[in-house]
Amino acid sequence: MDNIEKMVKLTILYDIYKSLLTDKQKSYFEAYYFKNQSLGEIAEKYEVSRNAVYSQLNDIEENLLDYEAKLHLKRKRDKKNQLVDELKQKEPSDEMLEIIKKLEEI
């Protein structure tokens, strides 16, 4: 997996599982992945070492991957979206369109 694929995967997992992270973990993750700040910039802002930031980001990555491995929320969401797309390809009845709408709202 290259860096871009890894970043996309982690940001999707973050979107799903961020409520399971601490406020500090969210701050570090958002600074690094969303604001494109360097380890040094983050370390300076939070008055910690670059190594502490690096370690924290690695822990966050492991946590996000672990949450997905256990809970499978991303996989389930992707499967639901795939099924909705398949339903849209067919000639839907009014009842089926209502079900599709409800599925999309979940």
PDB file of N, CA and C in Angstrom:
ATOM      1  N   MET A   1       0.850  -1.174   0.000  1.00  0.00           N
ATOM      2  CA  MET A   1       0.000   0.000   0.000  1.00  0.00           C
ATOM      3  C   MET A   1       0.895   1.237   0.000  1.00  0.00           C
ATOM      4  N   ASP A   2       0.658   2.141  -0.956  1.00  0.00           N
ATOM      5  CA  ASP A   2       1.477   3.347  -0.985  1.00  0.00           C
ATOM      6  C   ASP A   2       0.933   4.384  -0.005  1.00  0.00           C
ATOM      7  N   ASN A   3       1.654   5.482   0.134  1.00  0.00           N
ATOM      8  CA  ASN A   3       1.302   6.501   1.128  1.00  0.00           C
ATOM      9  C   ASN A   3      -0.072   7.107   0.904  1.00  0.00           C
ATOM     10  N   ILE A   4      -0.437   7.357  -0.353  1.00  0.00           N
ATOM     11  CA  ILE A   4      -1.741   7.962  -0.630  1.00  0.00           C
ATOM     12  C   ILE A   4      -2.861   6.998  -0.264  1.00  0.00           C
ATOM     13  N   GLU A   5      -2.724   5.730  -0.660  1.00  0.00           N
ATOM     14  CA  GLU A   5      -3.745   4.734  -0.310  1.00  0.00           C
ATOM     15  C   GLU A   5      -3.868   4.603   1.206  1.00  0.00           C
ATOM     16  N   LYS A   6      -2.735   4.601   1.884  1.00  0.00           N
ATOM     17  CA  LYS A   6      -2.727   4.487   3.343  1.00  0.00           C
ATOM     18  C   LYS A   6      -3.425   5.690   3.968  1.00  0.00           C
ATOM     19  N   MET A   7      -3.119   6.885   3.464  1.00  0.00           N
ATOM     20  CA  MET A   7      -3.727   8.090   3.996  1.00  0.00           C
ATOM     21  C   MET A   7      -5.239   8.088   3.777  1.00  0.00           C
ATOM     22  N   VAL A   8      -5.671   7.691   2.603  1.00  0.00           N
ATOM     23  CA  VAL A   8      -7.110   7.636   2.311  1.00  0.00           C
ATOM     24  C   VAL A   8      -7.787   6.626   3.231  1.00  0.00           C
ATOM     25  N   LYS A   9      -7.190   5.453   3.369  1.00  0.00           N
ATOM     26  CA  LYS A   9      -7.770   4.424   4.234  1.00  0.00           C
ATOM     27  C   LYS A   9      -7.877   4.907   5.679  1.00  0.00           C
ATOM     28  N   LEU A  10      -6.809   5.514   6.176  1.00  0.00           N
ATOM     29  CA  LEU A  10      -6.807   5.989   7.563  1.00  0.00           C
ATOM     30  C   LEU A  10      -7.807   7.116   7.784  1.00  0.00           C
ATOM     31  N   THR A  11      -7.942   8.020   6.821  1.00  0.00           N
ATOM     32  CA  THR A  11      -8.898   9.113   6.998  1.00  0.00           C
ATOM     33  C   THR A  11     -10.337   8.608   6.955  1.00  0.00           C
ATOM     34  N   ILE A  12     -10.601   7.582   6.155  1.00  0.00           N
ATOM     35  CA  ILE A  12     -11.942   6.973   6.141  1.00  0.00           C
ATOM     36  C   ILE A  12     -12.202   6.294   7.480  1.00  0.00           C
ATOM     37  N   LEU A  13     -11.227   5.533   7.963  1.00  0.00           N
ATOM     38  CA  LEU A  13     -11.392   4.871   9.260  1.00  0.00           C
ATOM     39  C   LEU A  13     -11.533   5.899  10.379  1.00  0.00           C
ATOM     40  N   TYR A  14     -10.797   6.999  10.278  1.00  0.00           N
ATOM     41  CA  TYR A  14     -10.903   8.059  11.281  1.00  0.00           C
ATOM     42  C   TYR A  14     -12.323   8.620  11.301  1.00  0.00           C
ATOM     43  N   ASP A  15     -12.881   8.841  10.134  1.00  0.00           N
ATOM     44  CA  ASP A  15     -14.236   9.371  10.039  1.00  0.00           C
ATOM     45  C   ASP A  15     -15.240   8.442  10.736  1.00  0.00           C
ATOM     46  N   ILE A  16     -15.011   7.157  10.626  1.00  0.00           N
ATOM     47  CA  ILE A  16     -15.918   6.177  11.221  1.00  0.00           C
ATOM     48  C   ILE A  16     -15.687   6.018  12.720  1.00  0.00           C
ATOM     49  N   TYR A  17     -14.428   5.954  13.136  1.00  0.00           N
ATOM     50  CA  TYR A  17     -14.085   5.570  14.512  1.00  0.00           C
ATOM     51  C   TYR A  17     -13.555   6.707  15.395  1.00  0.00           C
ATOM     52  N   LYS A  18     -13.582   7.947  14.927  1.00  0.00           N
ATOM     53  CA  LYS A  18     -12.964   9.027  15.706  1.00  0.00           C
ATOM     54  C   LYS A  18     -13.558   9.183  17.102  1.00  0.00           C
ATOM     55  N   SER A  19     -14.802   8.823  17.269  1.00  0.00           N
ATOM     56  CA  SER A  19     -15.411   8.965  18.598  1.00  0.00           C
ATOM     57  C   SER A  19     -14.785   8.018  19.623  1.00  0.00           C
ATOM     58  N   LEU A  20     -14.025   7.030  19.160  1.00  0.00           N
ATOM     59  CA  LEU A  20     -13.363   6.093  20.060  1.00  0.00           C
ATOM     60  C   LEU A  20     -11.957   6.557  20.452  1.00  0.00           C
ATOM     61  N   LEU A  21     -11.500   7.652  19.870  1.00  0.00           N
ATOM     62  CA  LEU A  21     -10.171   8.188  20.164  1.00  0.00           C
ATOM     63  C   LEU A  21     -10.256   9.280  21.221  1.00  0.00           C
ATOM     64  N   THR A  22      -9.145   9.521  21.883  1.00  0.00           N
ATOM     65  CA  THR A  22      -9.085  10.613  22.863  1.00  0.00           C
ATOM     66  C   THR A  22      -9.003  11.950  22.120  1.00  0.00           C
ATOM     67  N   ASP A  23      -9.249  13.033  22.834  1.00  0.00           N
ATOM     68  CA  ASP A  23      -9.163  14.363  22.234  1.00  0.00           C
ATOM     69  C   ASP A  23      -7.745  14.641  21.730  1.00  0.00           C
ATOM     70  N   LYS A  24      -6.751  14.212  22.490  1.00  0.00           N
ATOM     71  CA  LYS A  24      -5.359  14.404  22.075  1.00  0.00           C
ATOM     72  C   LYS A  24      -5.071  13.627  20.793  1.00  0.00           C
ATOM     73  N   GLN A  25      -5.541  12.396  20.712  1.00  0.00           N
ATOM     74  CA  GLN A  25      -5.337  11.600  19.506  1.00  0.00           C
ATOM     75  C   GLN A  25      -6.010  12.265  18.300  1.00  0.00           C
ATOM     76  N   LYS A  26      -7.217  12.771  18.496  1.00  0.00           N
ATOM     77  CA  LYS A  26      -7.913  13.461  17.404  1.00  0.00           C
ATOM     78  C   LYS A  26      -7.127  14.688  16.952  1.00  0.00           C
ATOM     79  N   SER A  27      -6.615  15.438  17.905  1.00  0.00           N
ATOM     80  CA  SER A  27      -5.850  16.648  17.568  1.00  0.00           C
ATOM     81  C   SER A  27      -4.610  16.306  16.761  1.00  0.00           C
ATOM     82  N   TYR A  28      -3.862  15.310  17.184  1.00  0.00           N
ATOM     83  CA  TYR A  28      -2.652  14.904  16.464  1.00  0.00           C
ATOM     84  C   TYR A  28      -3.007  14.406  15.060  1.00  0.00           C
ATOM     85  N   PHE A  29      -4.015  13.551  14.978  1.00  0.00           N
ATOM     86  CA  PHE A  29      -4.397  12.979  13.687  1.00  0.00           C
ATOM     87  C   PHE A  29      -4.822  14.076  12.722  1.00  0.00           C
ATOM     88  N   GLU A  30      -5.685  14.971  13.182  1.00  0.00           N
ATOM     89  CA  GLU A  30      -6.184  16.036  12.314  1.00  0.00           C
ATOM     90  C   GLU A  30      -5.069  16.984  11.895  1.00  0.00           C
ATOM     91  N   ALA A  31      -4.164  17.294  12.807  1.00  0.00           N
ATOM     92  CA  ALA A  31      -3.037  18.171  12.475  1.00  0.00           C
ATOM     93  C   ALA A  31      -2.169  17.528  11.395  1.00  0.00           C
ATOM     94  N   TYR A  32      -1.907  16.247  11.533  1.00  0.00           N
ATOM     95  CA  TYR A  32      -1.005  15.558  10.606  1.00  0.00           C
ATOM     96  C   TYR A  32      -1.680  15.251   9.265  1.00  0.00           C
ATOM     97  N   TYR A  33      -2.879  14.675   9.306  1.00  0.00           N
ATOM     98  CA  TYR A  33      -3.519  14.214   8.076  1.00  0.00           C
ATOM     99  C   TYR A  33      -4.391  15.259   7.387  1.00  0.00           C
ATOM    100  N   PHE A  34      -5.020  16.147   8.135  1.00  0.00           N
ATOM    101  CA  PHE A  34      -5.917  17.123   7.517  1.00  0.00           C
ATOM    102  C   PHE A  34      -5.261  18.482   7.306  1.00  0.00           C
ATOM    103  N   LYS A  35      -4.410  18.888   8.244  1.00  0.00           N
ATOM    104  CA  LYS A  35      -3.769  20.195   8.141  1.00  0.00           C
ATOM    105  C   LYS A  35      -2.367  20.105   7.572  1.00  0.00           C
ATOM    106  N   ASN A  36      -1.919  18.866   7.314  1.00  0.00           N
ATOM    107  CA  ASN A  36      -0.616  18.616   6.690  1.00  0.00           C
ATOM    108  C   ASN A  36       0.543  19.216   7.483  1.00  0.00           C
ATOM    109  N   GLN A  37       0.434  19.192   8.802  1.00  0.00           N
ATOM    110  CA  GLN A  37       1.516  19.711   9.649  1.00  0.00           C
ATOM    111  C   GLN A  37       2.574  18.624   9.834  1.00  0.00           C
ATOM    112  N   SER A  38       3.806  19.056   9.966  1.00  0.00           N
ATOM    113  CA  SER A  38       4.909  18.119  10.175  1.00  0.00           C
ATOM    114  C   SER A  38       4.927  17.652  11.630  1.00  0.00           C
ATOM    115  N   LEU A  39       5.686  16.589  11.877  1.00  0.00           N
ATOM    116  CA  LEU A  39       5.834  16.107  13.254  1.00  0.00           C
ATOM    117  C   LEU A  39       6.403  17.207  14.142  1.00  0.00           C
ATOM    118  N   GLY A  40       7.353  17.958  13.608  1.00  0.00           N
ATOM    119  CA  GLY A  40       7.970  19.044  14.361  1.00  0.00           C
ATOM    120  C   GLY A  40       6.976  20.144  14.720  1.00  0.00           C
ATOM    121  N   GLU A  41       6.122  20.496  13.768  1.00  0.00           N
ATOM    122  CA  GLU A  41       5.113  21.527  14.024  1.00  0.00           C
ATOM    123  C   GLU A  41       4.126  21.082  15.094  1.00  0.00           C
ATOM    124  N   ILE A  42       3.713  19.842  15.000  1.00  0.00           N
ATOM    125  CA  ILE A  42       2.765  19.304  15.989  1.00  0.00           C
ATOM    126  C   ILE A  42       3.436  19.243  17.358  1.00  0.00           C
ATOM    127  N   ALA A  43       4.679  18.768  17.382  1.00  0.00           N
ATOM    128  CA  ALA A  43       5.422  18.671  18.643  1.00  0.00           C
ATOM    129  C   ALA A  43       5.565  20.040  19.302  1.00  0.00           C
ATOM    130  N   GLU A  44       5.871  21.039  18.501  1.00  0.00           N
ATOM    131  CA  GLU A  44       6.031  22.390  19.032  1.00  0.00           C
ATOM    132  C   GLU A  44       4.703  22.914  19.589  1.00  0.00           C
ATOM    133  N   LYS A  45       3.635  22.699  18.862  1.00  0.00           N
ATOM    134  CA  LYS A  45       2.324  23.186  19.292  1.00  0.00           C
ATOM    135  C   LYS A  45       1.895  22.568  20.625  1.00  0.00           C
ATOM    136  N   TYR A  46       2.129  21.268  20.788  1.00  0.00           N
ATOM    137  CA  TYR A  46       1.688  20.562  21.994  1.00  0.00           C
ATOM    138  C   TYR A  46       2.796  20.406  23.041  1.00  0.00           C
ATOM    139  N   GLU A  47       3.944  21.009  22.741  1.00  0.00           N
ATOM    140  CA  GLU A  47       5.076  21.008  23.666  1.00  0.00           C
ATOM    141  C   GLU A  47       5.485  19.591  24.085  1.00  0.00           C
ATOM    142  N   VAL A  48       5.662  18.745  23.080  1.00  0.00           N
ATOM    143  CA  VAL A  48       6.143  17.376  23.275  1.00  0.00           C
ATOM    144  C   VAL A  48       7.243  17.121  22.252  1.00  0.00           C
ATOM    145  N   SER A  49       7.891  15.983  22.351  1.00  0.00           N
ATOM    146  CA  SER A  49       8.952  15.658  21.399  1.00  0.00           C
ATOM    147  C   SER A  49       8.347  15.167  20.079  1.00  0.00           C
ATOM    148  N   ARG A  50       9.152  15.272  19.028  1.00  0.00           N
ATOM    149  CA  ARG A  50       8.728  14.726  17.727  1.00  0.00           C
ATOM    150  C   ARG A  50       8.487  13.231  17.843  1.00  0.00           C
ATOM    151  N   ASN A  51       9.321  12.557  18.650  1.00  0.00           N
ATOM    152  CA  ASN A  51       9.175  11.121  18.838  1.00  0.00           C
ATOM    153  C   ASN A  51       7.834  10.787  19.497  1.00  0.00           C
ATOM    154  N   ALA A  52       7.397  11.642  20.431  1.00  0.00           N
ATOM    155  CA  ALA A  52       6.109  11.420  21.088  1.00  0.00           C
ATOM    156  C   ALA A  52       4.964  11.537  20.082  1.00  0.00           C
ATOM    157  N   VAL A  53       5.060  12.497  19.193  1.00  0.00           N
ATOM    158  CA  VAL A  53       4.035  12.671  18.160  1.00  0.00           C
ATOM    159  C   VAL A  53       4.041  11.475  17.220  1.00  0.00           C
ATOM    160  N   TYR A  54       5.228  11.075  16.791  1.00  0.00           N
ATOM    161  CA  TYR A  54       5.371   9.919  15.892  1.00  0.00           C
ATOM    162  C   TYR A  54       4.776   8.669  16.534  1.00  0.00           C
ATOM    163  N   SER A  55       5.099   8.444  17.786  1.00  0.00           N
ATOM    164  CA  SER A  55       4.594   7.284  18.517  1.00  0.00           C
ATOM    165  C   SER A  55       3.071   7.339  18.644  1.00  0.00           C
ATOM    166  N   GLN A  56       2.566   8.513  18.957  1.00  0.00           N
ATOM    167  CA  GLN A  56       1.112   8.685  19.095  1.00  0.00           C
ATOM    168  C   GLN A  56       0.396   8.417  17.769  1.00  0.00           C
ATOM    169  N   LEU A  57       0.952   8.917  16.670  1.00  0.00           N
ATOM    170  CA  LEU A  57       0.348   8.681  15.354  1.00  0.00           C
ATOM    171  C   LEU A  57       0.364   7.190  14.999  1.00  0.00           C
ATOM    172  N   ASN A  58       1.446   6.501  15.344  1.00  0.00           N
ATOM    173  CA  ASN A  58       1.495   5.056  15.106  1.00  0.00           C
ATOM    174  C   ASN A  58       0.450   4.327  15.937  1.00  0.00           C
ATOM    175  N   ASP A  59       0.282   4.741  17.191  1.00  0.00           N
ATOM    176  CA  ASP A  59      -0.737   4.132  18.055  1.00  0.00           C
ATOM    177  C   ASP A  59      -2.138   4.367  17.498  1.00  0.00           C
ATOM    178  N   ILE A  60      -2.384   5.577  17.012  1.00  0.00           N
ATOM    179  CA  ILE A  60      -3.688   5.901  16.434  1.00  0.00           C
ATOM    180  C   ILE A  60      -3.954   5.022  15.221  1.00  0.00           C
ATOM    181  N   GLU A  61      -2.960   4.894  14.354  1.00  0.00           N
ATOM    182  CA  GLU A  61      -3.097   4.049  13.162  1.00  0.00           C
ATOM    183  C   GLU A  61      -3.436   2.612  13.561  1.00  0.00           C
ATOM    184  N   GLU A  62      -2.704   2.080  14.525  1.00  0.00           N
ATOM    185  CA  GLU A  62      -2.972   0.710  14.994  1.00  0.00           C
ATOM    186  C   GLU A  62      -4.380   0.602  15.576  1.00  0.00           C
ATOM    187  N   ASN A  63      -4.792   1.607  16.342  1.00  0.00           N
ATOM    188  CA  ASN A  63      -6.133   1.596  16.921  1.00  0.00           C
ATOM    189  C   ASN A  63      -7.206   1.579  15.841  1.00  0.00           C
ATOM    190  N   LEU A  64      -7.063   2.452  14.843  1.00  0.00           N
ATOM    191  CA  LEU A  64      -8.063   2.517  13.783  1.00  0.00           C
ATOM    192  C   LEU A  64      -8.166   1.196  13.023  1.00  0.00           C
ATOM    193  N   LEU A  65      -7.020   0.615  12.708  1.00  0.00           N
ATOM    194  CA  LEU A  65      -7.017  -0.670  12.001  1.00  0.00           C
ATOM    195  C   LEU A  65      -7.590  -1.781  12.875  1.00  0.00           C
ATOM    196  N   ASP A  66      -7.307  -1.724  14.164  1.00  0.00           N
ATOM    197  CA  ASP A  66      -7.825  -2.713  15.104  1.00  0.00           C
ATOM    198  C   ASP A  66      -9.343  -2.591  15.251  1.00  0.00           C
ATOM    199  N   TYR A  67      -9.835  -1.357  15.337  1.00  0.00           N
ATOM    200  CA  TYR A  67     -11.283  -1.160  15.433  1.00  0.00           C
ATOM    201  C   TYR A  67     -11.980  -1.748  14.210  1.00  0.00           C
ATOM    202  N   GLU A  68     -11.426  -1.493  13.039  1.00  0.00           N
ATOM    203  CA  GLU A  68     -12.051  -2.033  11.818  1.00  0.00           C
ATOM    204  C   GLU A  68     -11.970  -3.552  11.787  1.00  0.00           C
ATOM    205  N   ALA A  69     -10.856  -4.103  12.227  1.00  0.00           N
ATOM    206  CA  ALA A  69     -10.701  -5.566  12.242  1.00  0.00           C
ATOM    207  C   ALA A  69     -11.733  -6.219  13.161  1.00  0.00           C
ATOM    208  N   LYS A  70     -12.096  -5.517  14.226  1.00  0.00           N
ATOM    209  CA  LYS A  70     -13.047  -6.084  15.186  1.00  0.00           C
ATOM    210  C   LYS A  70     -14.499  -5.744  14.871  1.00  0.00           C
ATOM    211  N   LEU A  71     -14.739  -4.535  14.407  1.00  0.00           N
ATOM    212  CA  LEU A  71     -16.119  -4.065  14.242  1.00  0.00           C
ATOM    213  C   LEU A  71     -16.624  -4.102  12.789  1.00  0.00           C
ATOM    214  N   HIS A  72     -15.734  -4.022  11.844  1.00  0.00           N
ATOM    215  CA  HIS A  72     -16.064  -4.116  10.416  1.00  0.00           C
ATOM    216  C   HIS A  72     -17.072  -3.068   9.937  1.00  0.00           C
ATOM    217  N   LEU A  73     -17.090  -1.896  10.548  1.00  0.00           N
ATOM    218  CA  LEU A  73     -18.065  -0.885  10.153  1.00  0.00           C
ATOM    219  C   LEU A  73     -17.819  -0.356   8.745  1.00  0.00           C
ATOM    220  N   LYS A  74     -16.567  -0.172   8.364  1.00  0.00           N
ATOM    221  CA  LYS A  74     -16.265   0.288   7.008  1.00  0.00           C
ATOM    222  C   LYS A  74     -16.675  -0.766   5.990  1.00  0.00           C
ATOM    223  N   ARG A  75     -16.330  -1.997   6.263  1.00  0.00           N
ATOM    224  CA  ARG A  75     -16.676  -3.084   5.340  1.00  0.00           C
ATOM    225  C   ARG A  75     -18.191  -3.185   5.176  1.00  0.00           C
ATOM    226  N   LYS A  76     -18.923  -3.070   6.286  1.00  0.00           N
ATOM    227  CA  LYS A  76     -20.385  -3.145   6.227  1.00  0.00           C
ATOM    228  C   LYS A  76     -20.964  -1.954   5.468  1.00  0.00           C
ATOM    229  N   ARG A  77     -20.404  -0.763   5.697  1.00  0.00           N
ATOM    230  CA  ARG A  77     -20.864   0.424   4.980  1.00  0.00           C
ATOM    231  C   ARG A  77     -20.620   0.293   3.484  1.00  0.00           C
ATOM    232  N   ASP A  78     -19.431  -0.204   3.130  1.00  0.00           N
ATOM    233  CA  ASP A  78     -19.102  -0.392   1.719  1.00  0.00           C
ATOM    234  C   ASP A  78     -20.043  -1.405   1.063  1.00  0.00           C
ATOM    235  N   LYS A  79     -20.342  -2.476   1.773  1.00  0.00           N
ATOM    236  CA  LYS A  79     -21.245  -3.504   1.241  1.00  0.00           C
ATOM    237  C   LYS A  79     -22.653  -2.941   1.072  1.00  0.00           C
ATOM    238  N   LYS A  80     -23.126  -2.179   2.059  1.00  0.00           N
ATOM    239  CA  LYS A  80     -24.453  -1.554   1.968  1.00  0.00           C
ATOM    240  C   LYS A  80     -24.507  -0.641   0.752  1.00  0.00           C
ATOM    241  N   ASN A  81     -23.474   0.185   0.566  1.00  0.00           N
ATOM    242  CA  ASN A  81     -23.437   1.100  -0.577  1.00  0.00           C
ATOM    243  C   ASN A  81     -23.417   0.352  -1.899  1.00  0.00           C
ATOM    244  N   GLN A  82     -22.701  -0.757  -1.938  1.00  0.00           N
ATOM    245  CA  GLN A  82     -22.655  -1.575  -3.146  1.00  0.00           C
ATOM    246  C   GLN A  82     -24.039  -2.135  -3.469  1.00  0.00           C
ATOM    247  N   LEU A  83     -24.730  -2.620  -2.452  1.00  0.00           N
ATOM    248  CA  LEU A  83     -26.076  -3.170  -2.666  1.00  0.00           C
ATOM    249  C   LEU A  83     -27.059  -2.081  -3.097  1.00  0.00           C
ATOM    250  N   VAL A  84     -26.955  -0.909  -2.521  1.00  0.00           N
ATOM    251  CA  VAL A  84     -27.808   0.206  -2.927  1.00  0.00           C
ATOM    252  C   VAL A  84     -27.549   0.542  -4.388  1.00  0.00           C
ATOM    253  N   ASP A  85     -26.281   0.586  -4.780  1.00  0.00           N
ATOM    254  CA  ASP A  85     -25.941   0.866  -6.177  1.00  0.00           C
ATOM    255  C   ASP A  85     -26.507  -0.201  -7.113  1.00  0.00           C
ATOM    256  N   GLU A  86     -26.437  -1.456  -6.696  1.00  0.00           N
ATOM    257  CA  GLU A  86     -26.994  -2.539  -7.506  1.00  0.00           C
ATOM    258  C   GLU A  86     -28.505  -2.388  -7.648  1.00  0.00           C
ATOM    259  N   LEU A  87     -29.169  -2.032  -6.574  1.00  0.00           N
ATOM    260  CA  LEU A  87     -30.619  -1.829  -6.630  1.00  0.00           C
ATOM    261  C   LEU A  87     -30.984  -0.685  -7.567  1.00  0.00           C
ATOM    262  N   LYS A  88     -30.189   0.360  -7.560  1.00  0.00           N
ATOM    263  CA  LYS A  88     -30.452   1.507  -8.422  1.00  0.00           C
ATOM    264  C   LYS A  88     -30.328   1.150  -9.901  1.00  0.00           C
ATOM    265  N   GLN A  89     -29.527   0.130 -10.199  1.00  0.00           N
ATOM    266  CA  GLN A  89     -29.325  -0.288 -11.585  1.00  0.00           C
ATOM    267  C   GLN A  89     -30.565  -0.985 -12.158  1.00  0.00           C
ATOM    268  N   LYS A  90     -31.379  -1.538 -11.306  1.00  0.00           N
ATOM    269  CA  LYS A  90     -32.571  -2.252 -11.730  1.00  0.00           C
ATOM    270  C   LYS A  90     -33.724  -1.265 -11.892  1.00  0.00           C
ATOM    271  N   GLU A  91     -34.796  -1.712 -12.511  1.00  0.00           N
ATOM    272  CA  GLU A  91     -35.975  -0.860 -12.632  1.00  0.00           C
ATOM    273  C   GLU A  91     -36.756  -0.958 -11.334  1.00  0.00           C
ATOM    274  N   PRO A  92     -36.576   0.038 -10.476  1.00  0.00           N
ATOM    275  CA  PRO A  92     -37.193  -0.063  -9.153  1.00  0.00           C
ATOM    276  C   PRO A  92     -38.667   0.347  -9.140  1.00  0.00           C
ATOM    277  N   SER A  93     -39.403  -0.315  -8.308  1.00  0.00           N
ATOM    278  CA  SER A  93     -40.788   0.070  -8.056  1.00  0.00           C
ATOM    279  C   SER A  93     -40.782   1.214  -7.043  1.00  0.00           C
ATOM    280  N   ASP A  94     -41.930   1.813  -6.807  1.00  0.00           N
ATOM    281  CA  ASP A  94     -42.024   2.884  -5.816  1.00  0.00           C
ATOM    282  C   ASP A  94     -41.617   2.380  -4.437  1.00  0.00           C
ATOM    283  N   GLU A  95     -42.030   1.166  -4.119  1.00  0.00           N
ATOM    284  CA  GLU A  95     -41.682   0.564  -2.825  1.00  0.00           C
ATOM    285  C   GLU A  95     -40.174   0.364  -2.711  1.00  0.00           C
ATOM    286  N   MET A  96     -39.584  -0.095  -3.784  1.00  0.00           N
ATOM    287  CA  MET A  96     -38.142  -0.325  -3.792  1.00  0.00           C
ATOM    288  C   MET A  96     -37.380   0.999  -3.675  1.00  0.00           C
ATOM    289  N   LEU A  97     -37.869   2.046  -4.321  1.00  0.00           N
ATOM    290  CA  LEU A  97     -37.232   3.365  -4.218  1.00  0.00           C
ATOM    291  C   LEU A  97     -37.287   3.878  -2.785  1.00  0.00           C
ATOM    292  N   GLU A  98     -38.373   3.619  -2.093  1.00  0.00           N
ATOM    293  CA  GLU A  98     -38.500   4.029  -0.699  1.00  0.00           C
ATOM    294  C   GLU A  98     -37.494   3.275   0.180  1.00  0.00           C
ATOM    295  N   ILE A  99     -37.312   2.000  -0.078  1.00  0.00           N
ATOM    296  CA  ILE A  99     -36.340   1.195   0.669  1.00  0.00           C
ATOM    297  C   ILE A  99     -34.926   1.698   0.389  1.00  0.00           C
ATOM    298  N   ILE A 100     -34.630   1.994  -0.852  1.00  0.00           N
ATOM    299  CA  ILE A 100     -33.311   2.521  -1.223  1.00  0.00           C
ATOM    300  C   ILE A 100     -33.055   3.837  -0.484  1.00  0.00           C
ATOM    301  N   LYS A 101     -34.048   4.692  -0.436  1.00  0.00           N
ATOM    302  CA  LYS A 101     -33.913   5.975   0.257  1.00  0.00           C
ATOM    303  C   LYS A 101     -33.617   5.757   1.737  1.00  0.00           C
ATOM    304  N   LYS A 102     -34.299   4.822   2.363  1.00  0.00           N
ATOM    305  CA  LYS A 102     -34.070   4.524   3.778  1.00  0.00           C
ATOM    306  C   LYS A 102     -32.679   3.964   3.992  1.00  0.00           C
ATOM    307  N   LEU A 103     -32.228   3.101   3.093  1.00  0.00           N
ATOM    308  CA  LEU A 103     -30.885   2.540   3.206  1.00  0.00           C
ATOM    309  C   LEU A 103     -29.819   3.629   3.101  1.00  0.00           C
ATOM    310  N   GLU A 104     -30.020   4.558   2.214  1.00  0.00           N
ATOM    311  CA  GLU A 104     -29.045   5.633   2.034  1.00  0.00           C
ATOM    312  C   GLU A 104     -28.980   6.540   3.255  1.00  0.00           C
ATOM    313  N   GLU A 105     -30.052   6.637   3.998  1.00  0.00           N
ATOM    314  CA  GLU A 105     -30.083   7.473   5.178  1.00  0.00           C
ATOM    315  C   GLU A 105     -29.370   6.839   6.374  1.00  0.00           C
ATOM    316  N   ILE A 106     -29.143   5.557   6.321  1.00  0.00           N
ATOM    317  CA  ILE A 106     -28.506   4.842   7.440  1.00  0.00           C
ATOM    318  C   ILE A 106     -27.034   5.194   7.488  1.00  0.00           C
TER     319      ILE A 106
END
